[in-house]
Amino acid sequence: SRADRLTAQASATGHLNTIMTLYEIVEPPVPSPLSGVPLPVLRRAIAVLARSARAQTIAVADGEGVRFLAGAPTR
């Protein structure tokens, strides 16, 4: 699922337990599998992760952010 890919990407890039803006996710300095993902799709994936305590939405100065949390993947 996109939610699992989002968590895997955050883990692979060392972003677990750090805050990232949605812009950083869809427009990273180095292209990733999540580059260019439409924001509505990204928000839905984050909502899935938030329901399973694997992400937390954060208000940041320039918009929306998310903190990815280590947790067991949902099946």
PDB file of N, CA and C in Angstrom:
ATOM      1  N   SER A   1       0.835  -1.187   0.000  1.00  0.00           N
ATOM      2  CA  SER A   1       0.000   0.000   0.000  1.00  0.00           C
ATOM      3  C   SER A   1       0.880   1.251   0.000  1.00  0.00           C
ATOM      4  N   ARG A   2       0.300   2.360  -0.375  1.00  0.00           N
ATOM      5  CA  ARG A   2       1.052   3.619  -0.343  1.00  0.00           C
ATOM      6  C   ARG A   2       1.497   3.970   1.065  1.00  0.00           C
ATOM      7  N   ALA A   3       0.668   3.659   2.043  1.00  0.00           N
ATOM      8  CA  ALA A   3       1.030   3.952   3.430  1.00  0.00           C
ATOM      9  C   ALA A   3       2.288   3.180   3.824  1.00  0.00           C
ATOM     10  N   ASP A   4       2.348   1.917   3.448  1.00  0.00           N
ATOM     11  CA  ASP A   4       3.535   1.118   3.761  1.00  0.00           C
ATOM     12  C   ASP A   4       4.762   1.643   3.021  1.00  0.00           C
ATOM     13  N   ARG A   5       4.580   2.061   1.763  1.00  0.00           N
ATOM     14  CA  ARG A   5       5.711   2.621   1.007  1.00  0.00           C
ATOM     15  C   ARG A   5       6.187   3.925   1.622  1.00  0.00           C
ATOM     16  N   LEU A   6       5.248   4.702   2.130  1.00  0.00           N
ATOM     17  CA  LEU A   6       5.593   5.958   2.778  1.00  0.00           C
ATOM     18  C   LEU A   6       6.435   5.717   4.026  1.00  0.00           C
ATOM     19  N   THR A   7       6.022   4.759   4.835  1.00  0.00           N
ATOM     20  CA  THR A   7       6.793   4.409   6.033  1.00  0.00           C
ATOM     21  C   THR A   7       8.151   3.839   5.655  1.00  0.00           C
ATOM     22  N   ALA A   8       8.197   2.978   4.658  1.00  0.00           N
ATOM     23  CA  ALA A   8       9.467   2.393   4.229  1.00  0.00           C
ATOM     24  C   ALA A   8      10.424   3.470   3.730  1.00  0.00           C
ATOM     25  N   GLN A   9       9.905   4.440   2.981  1.00  0.00           N
ATOM     26  CA  GLN A   9      10.749   5.528   2.480  1.00  0.00           C
ATOM     27  C   GLN A   9      11.267   6.383   3.629  1.00  0.00           C
ATOM     28  N   ALA A  10      10.410   6.682   4.600  1.00  0.00           N
ATOM     29  CA  ALA A  10      10.843   7.472   5.760  1.00  0.00           C
ATOM     30  C   ALA A  10      11.926   6.738   6.526  1.00  0.00           C
ATOM     31  N   SER A  11      11.775   5.439   6.672  1.00  0.00           N
ATOM     32  CA  SER A  11      12.774   4.635   7.366  1.00  0.00           C
ATOM     33  C   SER A  11      14.084   4.584   6.585  1.00  0.00           C
ATOM     34  N   ALA A  12      13.983   4.368   5.277  1.00  0.00           N
ATOM     35  CA  ALA A  12      15.179   4.242   4.440  1.00  0.00           C
ATOM     36  C   ALA A  12      15.978   5.536   4.381  1.00  0.00           C
ATOM     37  N   THR A  13      15.301   6.666   4.520  1.00  0.00           N
ATOM     38  CA  THR A  13      15.995   7.949   4.429  1.00  0.00           C
ATOM     39  C   THR A  13      16.309   8.545   5.799  1.00  0.00           C
ATOM     40  N   GLY A  14      16.066   7.772   6.861  1.00  0.00           N
ATOM     41  CA  GLY A  14      16.393   8.240   8.209  1.00  0.00           C
ATOM     42  C   GLY A  14      15.438   9.286   8.756  1.00  0.00           C
ATOM     43  N   HIS A  15      14.178   9.266   8.304  1.00  0.00           N
ATOM     44  CA  HIS A  15      13.220  10.271   8.741  1.00  0.00           C
ATOM     45  C   HIS A  15      12.203   9.768   9.759  1.00  0.00           C
ATOM     46  N   LEU A  16      12.421   8.591  10.341  1.00  0.00           N
ATOM     47  CA  LEU A  16      11.523   8.165  11.412  1.00  0.00           C
ATOM     48  C   LEU A  16      11.755   9.081  12.610  1.00  0.00           C
ATOM     49  N   ASN A  17      10.674   9.461  13.256  1.00  0.00           N
ATOM     50  CA  ASN A  17      10.706  10.324  14.438  1.00  0.00           C
ATOM     51  C   ASN A  17      11.231  11.728  14.167  1.00  0.00           C
ATOM     52  N   THR A  18      11.209  12.147  12.916  1.00  0.00           N
ATOM     53  CA  THR A  18      11.524  13.526  12.578  1.00  0.00           C
ATOM     54  C   THR A  18      10.322  14.107  11.844  1.00  0.00           C
ATOM     55  N   ILE A  19      10.233  15.418  11.810  1.00  0.00           N
ATOM     56  CA  ILE A  19       9.117  16.067  11.135  1.00  0.00           C
ATOM     57  C   ILE A  19       9.535  16.427   9.717  1.00  0.00           C
ATOM     58  N   MET A  20       8.690  16.062   8.769  1.00  0.00           N
ATOM     59  CA  MET A  20       8.895  16.416   7.363  1.00  0.00           C
ATOM     60  C   MET A  20       7.670  17.184   6.886  1.00  0.00           C
ATOM     61  N   THR A  21       7.891  18.157   6.033  1.00  0.00           N
ATOM     62  CA  THR A  21       6.745  18.826   5.410  1.00  0.00           C
ATOM     63  C   THR A  21       6.252  17.945   4.265  1.00  0.00           C
ATOM     64  N   LEU A  22       5.011  18.146   3.881  1.00  0.00           N
ATOM     65  CA  LEU A  22       4.486  17.384   2.752  1.00  0.00           C
ATOM     66  C   LEU A  22       5.267  17.737   1.491  1.00  0.00           C
ATOM     67  N   TYR A  23       5.700  18.987   1.379  1.00  0.00           N
ATOM     68  CA  TYR A  23       6.509  19.394   0.228  1.00  0.00           C
ATOM     69  C   TYR A  23       7.800  18.584   0.160  1.00  0.00           C
ATOM     70  N   GLU A  24       8.449  18.371   1.300  1.00  0.00           N
ATOM     71  CA  GLU A  24       9.693  17.589   1.314  1.00  0.00           C
ATOM     72  C   GLU A  24       9.470  16.159   0.829  1.00  0.00           C
ATOM     73  N   ILE A  25       8.281  15.631   1.071  1.00  0.00           N
ATOM     74  CA  ILE A  25       7.980  14.261   0.664  1.00  0.00           C
ATOM     75  C   ILE A  25       7.759  14.179  -0.843  1.00  0.00           C
ATOM     76  N   VAL A  26       6.988  15.113  -1.381  1.00  0.00           N
ATOM     77  CA  VAL A  26       6.655  15.032  -2.813  1.00  0.00           C
ATOM     78  C   VAL A  26       7.689  15.701  -3.720  1.00  0.00           C
ATOM     79  N   GLU A  27       8.549  16.545  -3.151  1.00  0.00           N
ATOM     80  CA  GLU A  27       9.598  17.228  -3.916  1.00  0.00           C
ATOM     81  C   GLU A  27      10.945  17.081  -3.199  1.00  0.00           C
ATOM     82  N   PRO A  28      11.413  15.847  -3.001  1.00  0.00           N
ATOM     83  CA  PRO A  28      12.671  15.661  -2.274  1.00  0.00           C
ATOM     84  C   PRO A  28      13.876  16.119  -3.107  1.00  0.00           C
ATOM     85  N   PRO A  29      15.008  16.433  -2.442  1.00  0.00           N
ATOM     86  CA  PRO A  29      16.194  16.845  -3.191  1.00  0.00           C
ATOM     87  C   PRO A  29      16.724  15.737  -4.101  1.00  0.00           C
ATOM     88  N   VAL A  30      16.527  14.497  -3.695  1.00  0.00           N
ATOM     89  CA  VAL A  30      16.915  13.347  -4.501  1.00  0.00           C
ATOM     90  C   VAL A  30      15.620  12.610  -4.851  1.00  0.00           C
ATOM     91  N   PRO A  31      15.338  12.378  -6.137  1.00  0.00           N
ATOM     92  CA  PRO A  31      14.086  11.713  -6.500  1.00  0.00           C
ATOM     93  C   PRO A  31      13.875  10.401  -5.731  1.00  0.00           C
ATOM     94  N   SER A  32      12.628  10.162  -5.372  1.00  0.00           N
ATOM     95  CA  SER A  32      12.268   8.952  -4.633  1.00  0.00           C
ATOM     96  C   SER A  32      10.998   8.376  -5.234  1.00  0.00           C
ATOM     97  N   PRO A  33      10.596   7.192  -4.791  1.00  0.00           N
ATOM     98  CA  PRO A  33       9.340   6.613  -5.295  1.00  0.00           C
ATOM     99  C   PRO A  33       8.121   7.480  -4.979  1.00  0.00           C
ATOM    100  N   LEU A  34       8.255   8.409  -4.037  1.00  0.00           N
ATOM    101  CA  LEU A  34       7.129   9.264  -3.666  1.00  0.00           C
ATOM    102  C   LEU A  34       7.168  10.621  -4.352  1.00  0.00           C
ATOM    103  N   SER A  35       8.177  10.879  -5.150  1.00  0.00           N
ATOM    104  CA  SER A  35       8.272  12.151  -5.866  1.00  0.00           C
ATOM    105  C   SER A  35       7.031  12.359  -6.723  1.00  0.00           C
ATOM    106  N   GLY A  36       6.420  13.522  -6.588  1.00  0.00           N
ATOM    107  CA  GLY A  36       5.282  13.866  -7.422  1.00  0.00           C
ATOM    108  C   GLY A  36       3.963  13.231  -7.045  1.00  0.00           C
ATOM    109  N   VAL A  37       3.896  12.532  -5.923  1.00  0.00           N
ATOM    110  CA  VAL A  37       2.616  11.942  -5.494  1.00  0.00           C
ATOM    111  C   VAL A  37       1.631  13.086  -5.253  1.00  0.00           C
ATOM    112  N   PRO A  38       0.419  12.992  -5.777  1.00  0.00           N
ATOM    113  CA  PRO A  38      -0.562  14.055  -5.539  1.00  0.00           C
ATOM    114  C   PRO A  38      -0.845  14.221  -4.038  1.00  0.00           C
ATOM    115  N   LEU A  39      -0.975  15.468  -3.587  1.00  0.00           N
ATOM    116  CA  LEU A  39      -1.190  15.724  -2.160  1.00  0.00           C
ATOM    117  C   LEU A  39      -2.411  15.017  -1.578  1.00  0.00           C
ATOM    118  N   PRO A  40      -3.554  14.930  -2.285  1.00  0.00           N
ATOM    119  CA  PRO A  40      -4.687  14.196  -1.707  1.00  0.00           C
ATOM    120  C   PRO A  40      -4.347  12.718  -1.434  1.00  0.00           C
ATOM    121  N   VAL A  41      -3.582  12.111  -2.316  1.00  0.00           N
ATOM    122  CA  VAL A  41      -3.176  10.712  -2.129  1.00  0.00           C
ATOM    123  C   VAL A  41      -2.231  10.611  -0.936  1.00  0.00           C
ATOM    124  N   LEU A  42      -1.290  11.541  -0.836  1.00  0.00           N
ATOM    125  CA  LEU A  42      -0.358  11.557   0.286  1.00  0.00           C
ATOM    126  C   LEU A  42      -1.102  11.744   1.604  1.00  0.00           C
ATOM    127  N   ARG A  43      -2.067  12.648   1.628  1.00  0.00           N
ATOM    128  CA  ARG A  43      -2.835  12.876   2.863  1.00  0.00           C
ATOM    129  C   ARG A  43      -3.608  11.632   3.277  1.00  0.00           C
ATOM    130  N   ARG A  44      -4.168  10.907   2.303  1.00  0.00           N
ATOM    131  CA  ARG A  44      -4.892   9.664   2.636  1.00  0.00           C
ATOM    132  C   ARG A  44      -3.942   8.634   3.223  1.00  0.00           C
ATOM    133  N   ALA A  45      -2.753   8.499   2.636  1.00  0.00           N
ATOM    134  CA  ALA A  45      -1.770   7.538   3.158  1.00  0.00           C
ATOM    135  C   ALA A  45      -1.350   7.920   4.573  1.00  0.00           C
ATOM    136  N   ILE A  46      -1.153   9.207   4.812  1.00  0.00           N
ATOM    137  CA  ILE A  46      -0.790   9.666   6.151  1.00  0.00           C
ATOM    138  C   ILE A  46      -1.921   9.386   7.132  1.00  0.00           C
ATOM    139  N   ALA A  47      -3.170   9.574   6.710  1.00  0.00           N
ATOM    140  CA  ALA A  47      -4.314   9.288   7.577  1.00  0.00           C
ATOM    141  C   ALA A  47      -4.351   7.817   7.965  1.00  0.00           C
ATOM    142  N   VAL A  48      -4.054   6.930   7.017  1.00  0.00           N
ATOM    143  CA  VAL A  48      -3.993   5.493   7.323  1.00  0.00           C
ATOM    144  C   VAL A  48      -2.916   5.236   8.367  1.00  0.00           C
ATOM    145  N   LEU A  49      -1.752   5.839   8.190  1.00  0.00           N
ATOM    146  CA  LEU A  49      -0.660   5.656   9.150  1.00  0.00           C
ATOM    147  C   LEU A  49      -1.012   6.244  10.510  1.00  0.00           C
ATOM    148  N   ALA A  50      -1.703   7.363  10.528  1.00  0.00           N
ATOM    149  CA  ALA A  50      -2.093   7.984  11.798  1.00  0.00           C
ATOM    150  C   ALA A  50      -3.065   7.092  12.567  1.00  0.00           C
ATOM    151  N   ARG A  51      -3.987   6.453  11.850  1.00  0.00           N
ATOM    152  CA  ARG A  51      -4.944   5.557  12.523  1.00  0.00           C
ATOM    153  C   ARG A  51      -4.253   4.354  13.153  1.00  0.00           C
ATOM    154  N   SER A  52      -3.108   3.949  12.602  1.00  0.00           N
ATOM    155  CA  SER A  52      -2.390   2.803  13.161  1.00  0.00           C
ATOM    156  C   SER A  52      -1.180   3.255  13.989  1.00  0.00           C
ATOM    157  N   ALA A  53      -1.180   4.521  14.408  1.00  0.00           N
ATOM    158  CA  ALA A  53      -0.138   5.094  15.270  1.00  0.00           C
ATOM    159  C   ALA A  53       1.255   5.013  14.653  1.00  0.00           C
ATOM    160  N   ARG A  54       1.324   5.101  13.314  1.00  0.00           N
ATOM    161  CA  ARG A  54       2.628   5.093  12.646  1.00  0.00           C
ATOM    162  C   ARG A  54       2.999   6.452  12.089  1.00  0.00           C
ATOM    163  N   ALA A  55       2.105   7.444  12.254  1.00  0.00           N
ATOM    164  CA  ALA A  55       2.398   8.805  11.818  1.00  0.00           C
ATOM    165  C   ALA A  55       1.553   9.760  12.644  1.00  0.00           C
ATOM    166  N   GLN A  56       2.040  10.992  12.696  1.00  0.00           N
ATOM    167  CA  GLN A  56       1.349  12.043  13.440  1.00  0.00           C
ATOM    168  C   GLN A  56       1.419  13.301  12.582  1.00  0.00           C
ATOM    169  N   THR A  57       0.272  13.912  12.314  1.00  0.00           N
ATOM    170  CA  THR A  57       0.291  15.150  11.545  1.00  0.00           C
ATOM    171  C   THR A  57       0.713  16.293  12.458  1.00  0.00           C
ATOM    172  N   ILE A  58       1.463  17.221  11.897  1.00  0.00           N
ATOM    173  CA  ILE A  58       2.044  18.321  12.648  1.00  0.00           C
ATOM    174  C   ILE A  58       1.809  19.613  11.868  1.00  0.00           C
ATOM    175  N   ALA A  59       1.418  20.667  12.548  1.00  0.00           N
ATOM    176  CA  ALA A  59       1.336  21.977  11.907  1.00  0.00           C
ATOM    177  C   ALA A  59       2.743  22.566  11.906  1.00  0.00           C
ATOM    178  N   VAL A  60       3.208  22.970  10.744  1.00  0.00           N
ATOM    179  CA  VAL A  60       4.531  23.581  10.625  1.00  0.00           C
ATOM    180  C   VAL A  60       4.366  24.989  10.057  1.00  0.00           C
ATOM    181  N   ALA A  61       5.402  25.803  10.196  1.00  0.00           N
ATOM    182  CA  ALA A  61       5.321  27.212   9.807  1.00  0.00           C
ATOM    183  C   ALA A  61       4.880  27.410   8.361  1.00  0.00           C
ATOM    184  N   ASP A  62       5.344  26.534   7.464  1.00  0.00           N
ATOM    185  CA  ASP A  62       5.025  26.744   6.046  1.00  0.00           C
ATOM    186  C   ASP A  62       3.977  25.768   5.517  1.00  0.00           C
ATOM    187  N   GLY A  63       3.137  25.231   6.395  1.00  0.00           N
ATOM    188  CA  GLY A  63       2.072  24.356   5.907  1.00  0.00           C
ATOM    189  C   GLY A  63       1.847  23.147   6.784  1.00  0.00           C
ATOM    190  N   GLU A  64       1.818  21.991   6.128  1.00  0.00           N
ATOM    191  CA  GLU A  64       1.523  20.747   6.813  1.00  0.00           C
ATOM    192  C   GLU A  64       2.775  19.898   6.943  1.00  0.00           C
ATOM    193  N   GLY A  65       2.838  19.171   8.036  1.00  0.00           N
ATOM    194  CA  GLY A  65       3.958  18.264   8.230  1.00  0.00           C
ATOM    195  C   GLY A  65       3.482  16.952   8.803  1.00  0.00           C
ATOM    196  N   VAL A  66       4.407  16.031   8.869  1.00  0.00           N
ATOM    197  CA  VAL A  66       4.111  14.710   9.406  1.00  0.00           C
ATOM    198  C   VAL A  66       5.343  14.179  10.114  1.00  0.00           C
ATOM    199  N   ARG A  67       5.111  13.481  11.203  1.00  0.00           N
ATOM    200  CA  ARG A  67       6.186  12.758  11.893  1.00  0.00           C
ATOM    201  C   ARG A  67       5.879  11.281  11.738  1.00  0.00           C
ATOM    202  N   PHE A  68       6.834  10.551  11.166  1.00  0.00           N
ATOM    203  CA  PHE A  68       6.666   9.104  10.997  1.00  0.00           C
ATOM    204  C   PHE A  68       7.194   8.412  12.236  1.00  0.00           C
ATOM    205  N   LEU A  69       6.425   7.486  12.752  1.00  0.00           N
ATOM    206  CA  LEU A  69       6.776   6.759  13.970  1.00  0.00           C
ATOM    207  C   LEU A  69       7.052   5.313  13.649  1.00  0.00           C
ATOM    208  N   ALA A  70       8.033   4.736  14.296  1.00  0.00           N
ATOM    209  CA  ALA A  70       8.306   3.310  14.105  1.00  0.00           C
ATOM    210  C   ALA A  70       7.149   2.531  14.707  1.00  0.00           C
ATOM    211  N   GLY A  71       6.706   1.519  14.015  1.00  0.00           N
ATOM    212  CA  GLY A  71       5.601   0.709  14.517  1.00  0.00           C
ATOM    213  C   GLY A  71       5.437  -0.520  13.658  1.00  0.00           C
ATOM    214  N   ALA A  72       4.658  -1.444  14.137  1.00  0.00           N
ATOM    215  CA  ALA A  72       4.416  -2.676  13.389  1.00  0.00           C
ATOM    216  C   ALA A  72       3.558  -2.371  12.181  1.00  0.00           C
ATOM    217  N   PRO A  73       3.911  -2.913  11.010  1.00  0.00           N
ATOM    218  CA  PRO A  73       3.093  -2.674   9.826  1.00  0.00           C
ATOM    219  C   PRO A  73       1.732  -3.331   9.961  1.00  0.00           C
ATOM    220  N   THR A  74       0.726  -2.683   9.377  1.00  0.00           N
ATOM    221  CA  THR A  74      -0.621  -3.261   9.391  1.00  0.00           C
ATOM    222  C   THR A  74      -0.728  -4.256   8.245  1.00  0.00           C
ATOM    223  N   ARG A  75      -1.554  -5.217   8.418  1.00  0.00           N
ATOM    224  CA  ARG A  75      -1.760  -6.236   7.385  1.00  0.00           C
ATOM    225  C   ARG A  75      -3.161  -6.131   6.846  1.00  0.00           C
TER     226      ARG A  75
END
